[in-house]
Amino acid sequence: MTALIIEDEAPAARRLKKLIEEVEPEITILGIIESVEAAVRWISSNPSPDVYFMDIQLADGVSFEIFQKVKVNAPIIFTTAFDEYALKAFKVNSIDYLLKPVQAHELSQSILKYQELVGTSKSMDRGEALQKLLEDYKINKKEYKTRFLVKLGERLIPIDTSDIIYFKSEDKLTFIFSKNGNKNLIEHTLDNLEKMLDPVHFFRLNRQYIAHISSIDTIHNYFNGKLKLFLKNKTKEEVIISRDKAPLFKEWLGQ
C-alpha cells in the first residue's frame, strides 16, 4: 500500500508520516508535497498512490484547486485544523477527515475504513468515486456570509466581509467595525455570527469579539497562559484570549 502526503507544515507532515508508519507499517510513503502546484506536477508525472493524505490549506492555495488542474485517481483522507471547515462534505464515499493534531487511534480508524471500502468495492472506478465526492462537495458545502446589510438612517448599506476588521458586542448590542473606521449596528448576536462567518478568516476571540485575521496587530504572552493582543483600529483595542482558547488561536493564525 502506498500513500502521498500533501501538507505544507513541515512539523505536521513529519508527525503524520511517523504516525502512519507506526499505525500501518506496510504503508510506503512516496513523498511529502507542500503546495498545490507541486502536487499537480507530482500527480501528472507519477503513478497514482493507493491513498492521499491531504491538508486543506496549502502554501499556495486550497487543495481543491488540485482537482481543477489534474485528474486524481485515488481516495483521499483530508486533514484540517478547523472542525467546521466542510467536514460534512468529506464524510462520503471512501473519504474521511482527520482533525489536527492527528491522533493515532483516529488515523488507525481512517486507514481501516479505507481498507474496508477498497476491499468491498474492488470493481469500483476510484476516479469515478472521487468525482462523485467533488460533486457532493459542491452541492453540500457550507456557504458563508460574504456581506452584511446595515441600516444607516433611512439608507441600507452593504458591507463586504473583506472590509470588516471585527465584530464587537457592547451592552447587548453587536457592532461591525470596518477598515474605513466606521462602526455600524447589526441585528445578529456573536453566537449567530460565529455560524455565519468563514472560520478560515474569522475567529471568536472571547465573549466580546469576533475578529478578521487581517485585524490582528500585535500578540503578547499574558499571565497564566493567556494571550493579550491588540486590534488594528484607532484606539489599538486590547483583547484578552483565555488559556483554553490560546492554542486554537495560534493554530488558526498559522494556517
Protein backbone atom coordinates (compact mmCIF):
# COMPACT_ATOMS: atom_id res chain seq x y z
CA MET A 1 0.00 0.00 0.00
CA THR A 2 1.38 3.40 -0.97
CA ALA A 3 0.49 6.93 0.17
CA LEU A 4 1.38 10.51 -0.64
CA ILE A 5 1.24 13.27 1.99
CA ILE A 6 0.22 16.73 0.79
CA GLU A 7 0.88 19.09 3.72
CA ASP A 8 2.64 22.45 3.85
CA GLU A 9 3.54 22.49 7.55
CA ALA A 10 6.79 20.53 7.95
CA PRO A 11 6.29 19.54 11.64
CA ALA A 12 2.75 18.35 10.92
CA ALA A 13 3.92 16.41 7.87
CA ARG A 14 6.74 14.70 9.77
CA ARG A 15 4.41 13.80 12.63
CA LEU A 16 1.78 12.42 10.25
CA LYS A 17 4.37 10.34 8.39
CA LYS A 18 5.62 8.88 11.66
CA LEU A 19 2.08 8.08 12.84
CA ILE A 20 1.16 6.42 9.54
CA GLU A 21 4.25 4.21 9.67
CA GLU A 22 3.50 3.27 13.29
CA VAL A 23 -0.18 2.54 12.72
CA GLU A 24 0.27 0.70 9.40
CA PRO A 25 3.90 -0.42 8.87
CA GLU A 26 3.07 -1.85 5.43
CA ILE A 27 2.30 1.61 4.02
CA THR A 28 5.06 3.13 1.91
CA ILE A 29 5.13 6.94 1.99
CA LEU A 30 6.08 8.07 -1.51
CA GLY A 31 6.78 11.65 -0.54
CA ILE A 32 5.62 14.87 1.10
CA ILE A 33 4.30 17.69 -1.11
CA GLU A 34 3.87 21.25 0.21
CA SER A 35 1.82 23.13 -2.39
CA VAL A 36 -0.94 22.92 -4.97
CA GLU A 37 1.44 23.41 -7.88
CA ALA A 38 3.93 20.82 -6.62
CA ALA A 39 1.08 18.34 -6.10
CA VAL A 40 -0.16 18.91 -9.65
CA ARG A 41 3.33 18.29 -11.05
CA TRP A 42 3.79 15.13 -8.95
CA ILE A 43 0.40 13.66 -9.83
CA SER A 44 0.92 14.44 -13.52
CA SER A 45 4.24 12.61 -13.70
CA ASN A 46 3.90 9.68 -11.26
CA PRO A 47 1.74 6.56 -10.93
CA SER A 48 -1.15 7.09 -8.54
CA PRO A 49 -0.63 6.05 -4.91
CA ASP A 50 -3.27 3.97 -3.16
CA VAL A 51 -4.32 6.87 -0.94
CA TYR A 52 -3.59 10.54 -0.37
CA PHE A 53 -3.34 12.29 3.00
CA MET A 54 -4.15 15.87 2.09
CA ASP A 55 -4.32 19.09 4.09
CA ILE A 56 -6.94 21.63 3.01
CA GLN A 57 -4.96 24.85 3.39
CA LEU A 58 -1.67 24.62 1.46
CA ALA A 59 1.17 27.05 0.91
CA ASP A 60 -0.27 28.48 -2.31
CA GLY A 61 -3.99 27.84 -2.03
CA VAL A 62 -6.59 25.26 -1.05
CA SER A 63 -6.23 21.62 -2.03
CA PHE A 64 -9.45 21.61 -4.05
CA GLU A 65 -7.58 23.59 -6.70
CA ILE A 66 -5.59 20.41 -7.40
CA PHE A 67 -8.68 18.69 -8.78
CA GLN A 68 -9.31 21.54 -11.18
CA LYS A 69 -5.87 21.10 -12.74
CA VAL A 70 -5.26 17.34 -12.78
CA LYS A 71 -7.20 14.10 -12.53
CA VAL A 72 -6.77 12.44 -9.13
CA ASN A 73 -7.38 8.69 -9.25
CA ALA A 74 -7.08 7.67 -5.61
CA PRO A 75 -9.13 8.05 -2.42
CA ILE A 76 -8.22 10.90 -0.10
CA ILE A 77 -8.13 11.31 3.66
CA PHE A 78 -8.31 15.02 4.31
CA THR A 79 -6.74 16.75 7.31
CA THR A 80 -7.82 20.11 8.70
CA ALA A 81 -7.38 22.33 11.73
CA PHE A 82 -10.97 23.57 11.56
CA ASP A 83 -13.79 21.37 12.81
CA GLU A 84 -16.39 23.37 10.87
CA TYR A 85 -14.49 23.56 7.59
CA ALA A 86 -16.52 21.42 5.17
CA LEU A 87 -16.24 18.34 7.36
CA LYS A 88 -19.67 17.04 6.43
CA ALA A 89 -18.73 17.15 2.77
CA PHE A 90 -15.79 14.81 3.36
CA LYS A 91 -17.82 12.13 5.15
CA VAL A 92 -18.92 10.43 1.95
CA ASN A 93 -17.67 7.51 -0.20
CA SER A 94 -14.20 6.29 0.76
CA ILE A 95 -13.10 9.70 2.00
CA ASP A 96 -12.51 10.60 5.65
CA TYR A 97 -11.06 13.54 7.55
CA LEU A 98 -8.68 13.89 10.44
CA LEU A 99 -8.72 16.88 12.73
CA LYS A 100 -5.31 18.33 13.58
CA PRO A 101 -3.39 17.46 15.63
CA VAL A 102 -3.91 13.98 14.20
CA GLN A 103 -4.38 11.27 16.81
CA ALA A 104 -3.11 7.72 16.34
CA HIS A 105 -6.42 5.99 17.06
CA GLU A 106 -8.29 8.26 14.61
CA LEU A 107 -5.66 7.65 11.95
CA SER A 108 -5.96 3.90 12.50
CA GLN A 109 -9.74 4.08 12.10
CA SER A 110 -9.42 6.07 8.88
CA ILE A 111 -6.96 3.60 7.36
CA LEU A 112 -9.19 0.70 8.41
CA LYS A 113 -12.19 2.41 6.83
CA TYR A 114 -10.24 2.89 3.62
CA GLN A 115 -9.14 -0.74 3.55
CA GLU A 116 -12.68 -1.99 4.17
CA LEU A 117 -14.13 0.22 1.46
CA VAL A 118 -11.49 -0.79 -1.06
CA GLY A 119 -11.93 -4.44 -0.17
CA THR A 120 -15.68 -4.33 -0.80
CA SER A 121 -15.54 -2.24 -3.96
CA LYS A 122 -12.63 -3.58 -5.99
CA SER A 123 -14.61 -3.19 -9.20
CA MET A 124 -15.35 0.49 -8.49
CA ASP A 125 -13.54 3.03 -10.58
CA ARG A 126 -11.77 5.16 -7.97
CA GLY A 127 -11.65 8.21 -10.21
CA GLU A 128 -15.40 7.98 -10.67
CA ALA A 129 -15.91 7.69 -6.89
CA LEU A 130 -13.73 10.74 -6.28
CA GLN A 131 -15.58 12.73 -8.91
CA LYS A 132 -18.80 11.97 -7.07
CA LEU A 133 -17.19 13.28 -3.87
CA LEU A 134 -16.30 16.55 -5.56
CA GLU A 135 -19.83 16.91 -6.92
CA ASP A 136 -21.23 16.25 -3.43
CA TYR A 137 -18.82 18.82 -2.03
CA LYS A 138 -20.04 21.50 -4.44
CA ILE A 139 -23.66 20.69 -3.58
CA ASN A 140 -23.34 20.29 0.18
CA LYS A 141 -20.55 22.64 1.17
CA LYS A 142 -21.49 25.28 3.69
CA GLU A 143 -21.91 28.75 2.25
CA TYR A 144 -20.63 31.55 4.48
CA LYS A 145 -21.78 35.16 4.51
CA THR A 146 -19.89 37.42 2.12
CA ARG A 147 -21.64 40.67 3.06
CA PHE A 148 -23.97 42.21 5.62
CA LEU A 149 -26.69 44.81 5.13
CA VAL A 150 -26.70 47.56 7.77
CA LYS A 151 -29.11 50.43 8.31
CA LEU A 152 -27.78 53.97 8.32
CA GLY A 153 -30.62 56.42 8.84
CA GLU A 154 -33.05 55.74 6.02
CA ARG A 155 -30.41 54.01 3.92
CA LEU A 156 -29.36 50.37 3.72
CA ILE A 157 -25.64 49.84 3.13
CA PRO A 158 -23.93 46.54 2.15
CA ILE A 159 -20.62 45.78 3.86
CA ASP A 160 -18.39 43.05 2.45
CA THR A 161 -16.84 40.70 4.99
CA SER A 162 -13.44 41.50 3.47
CA ASP A 163 -13.91 45.10 4.66
CA ILE A 164 -14.71 44.08 8.26
CA ILE A 165 -11.95 44.07 10.87
CA TYR A 166 -14.05 42.75 13.74
CA PHE A 167 -17.46 42.38 15.35
CA LYS A 168 -17.93 43.56 18.93
CA SER A 169 -20.67 43.06 21.50
CA GLU A 170 -21.39 46.16 23.59
CA ASP A 171 -24.25 46.43 26.12
CA LYS A 172 -26.14 43.53 24.50
CA LEU A 173 -25.77 45.12 21.04
CA THR A 174 -23.50 43.96 18.24
CA PHE A 175 -21.47 46.28 16.02
CA ILE A 176 -19.44 45.90 12.84
CA PHE A 177 -16.11 47.73 12.81
CA SER A 178 -14.87 48.34 9.26
CA LYS A 179 -11.45 49.10 7.80
CA ASN A 180 -12.59 52.64 6.96
CA GLY A 181 -13.20 53.34 10.65
CA ASN A 182 -17.00 53.09 10.54
CA LYS A 183 -18.99 51.44 13.32
CA ASN A 184 -22.41 50.04 12.41
CA LEU A 185 -25.10 48.30 14.42
CA ILE A 186 -26.04 44.82 13.19
CA GLU A 187 -29.02 42.67 14.16
CA HIS A 188 -27.10 39.48 14.97
CA THR A 189 -25.55 38.13 18.14
CA LEU A 190 -21.93 36.98 18.16
CA ASP A 191 -23.17 33.41 18.65
CA ASN A 192 -25.17 33.65 15.41
CA LEU A 193 -22.36 35.40 13.57
CA GLU A 194 -19.93 32.66 14.53
CA LYS A 195 -22.01 30.21 12.48
CA MET A 196 -22.31 32.57 9.50
CA LEU A 197 -18.65 33.53 9.10
CA ASP A 198 -15.91 31.56 7.35
CA PRO A 199 -13.65 30.16 10.11
CA VAL A 200 -10.67 30.44 7.81
CA HIS A 201 -10.93 34.25 8.05
CA PHE A 202 -12.78 34.91 11.33
CA PHE A 203 -12.09 33.77 14.90
CA ARG A 204 -14.13 34.15 18.09
CA LEU A 205 -11.59 35.73 20.41
CA ASN A 206 -13.80 35.87 23.51
CA ARG A 207 -17.34 36.81 24.54
CA GLN A 208 -16.96 40.30 23.10
CA TYR A 209 -15.07 39.89 19.84
CA ILE A 210 -15.03 38.02 16.55
CA ALA A 211 -12.04 39.25 14.55
CA HIS A 212 -10.92 39.02 10.94
CA ILE A 213 -7.39 37.68 10.58
CA SER A 214 -6.27 40.95 8.98
CA SER A 215 -7.28 42.86 12.14
CA ILE A 216 -4.61 41.30 14.37
CA ASP A 217 -1.92 43.86 15.13
CA THR A 218 0.37 42.51 17.87
CA ILE A 219 0.21 39.50 20.19
CA HIS A 220 1.81 39.16 23.63
CA ASN A 221 2.07 36.34 26.12
CA TYR A 222 -0.02 37.12 29.19
CA PHE A 223 -0.12 35.63 32.67
CA ASN A 224 -1.46 32.13 33.35
CA GLY A 225 -1.17 31.00 29.72
CA LYS A 226 -3.41 33.73 28.33
CA LEU A 227 -2.69 35.95 25.34
CA LYS A 228 -3.05 39.70 25.04
CA LEU A 229 -3.47 41.11 21.56
CA PHE A 230 -4.15 44.49 20.02
CA LEU A 231 -6.51 45.03 17.11
CA LYS A 232 -5.83 47.35 14.20
CA ASN A 233 -8.04 50.32 14.91
CA LYS A 234 -7.69 53.92 16.05
CA THR A 235 -7.64 53.04 19.74
CA LYS A 236 -5.41 49.92 19.43
CA GLU A 237 -8.03 47.98 21.35
CA GLU A 238 -6.69 45.41 23.83
CA VAL A 239 -8.23 41.92 23.83
CA ILE A 240 -7.51 39.04 26.20
CA ILE A 241 -7.71 35.43 24.97
CA SER A 242 -8.21 32.72 27.57
CA ARG A 243 -5.68 29.97 28.27
CA ASP A 244 -8.05 27.35 26.83
CA LYS A 245 -8.59 29.27 23.59
CA ALA A 246 -4.98 30.41 23.13
CA PRO A 247 -3.75 27.18 21.42
CA LEU A 248 -6.70 27.25 18.98
CA PHE A 249 -6.00 30.90 18.21
CA LYS A 250 -2.33 30.17 17.47
CA GLU A 251 -3.27 27.26 15.23
CA TRP A 252 -5.78 29.45 13.38
CA LEU A 253 -3.14 32.12 12.79
CA GLY A 254 -0.70 29.50 11.49
CA GLN A 255 -2.97 28.34 8.68
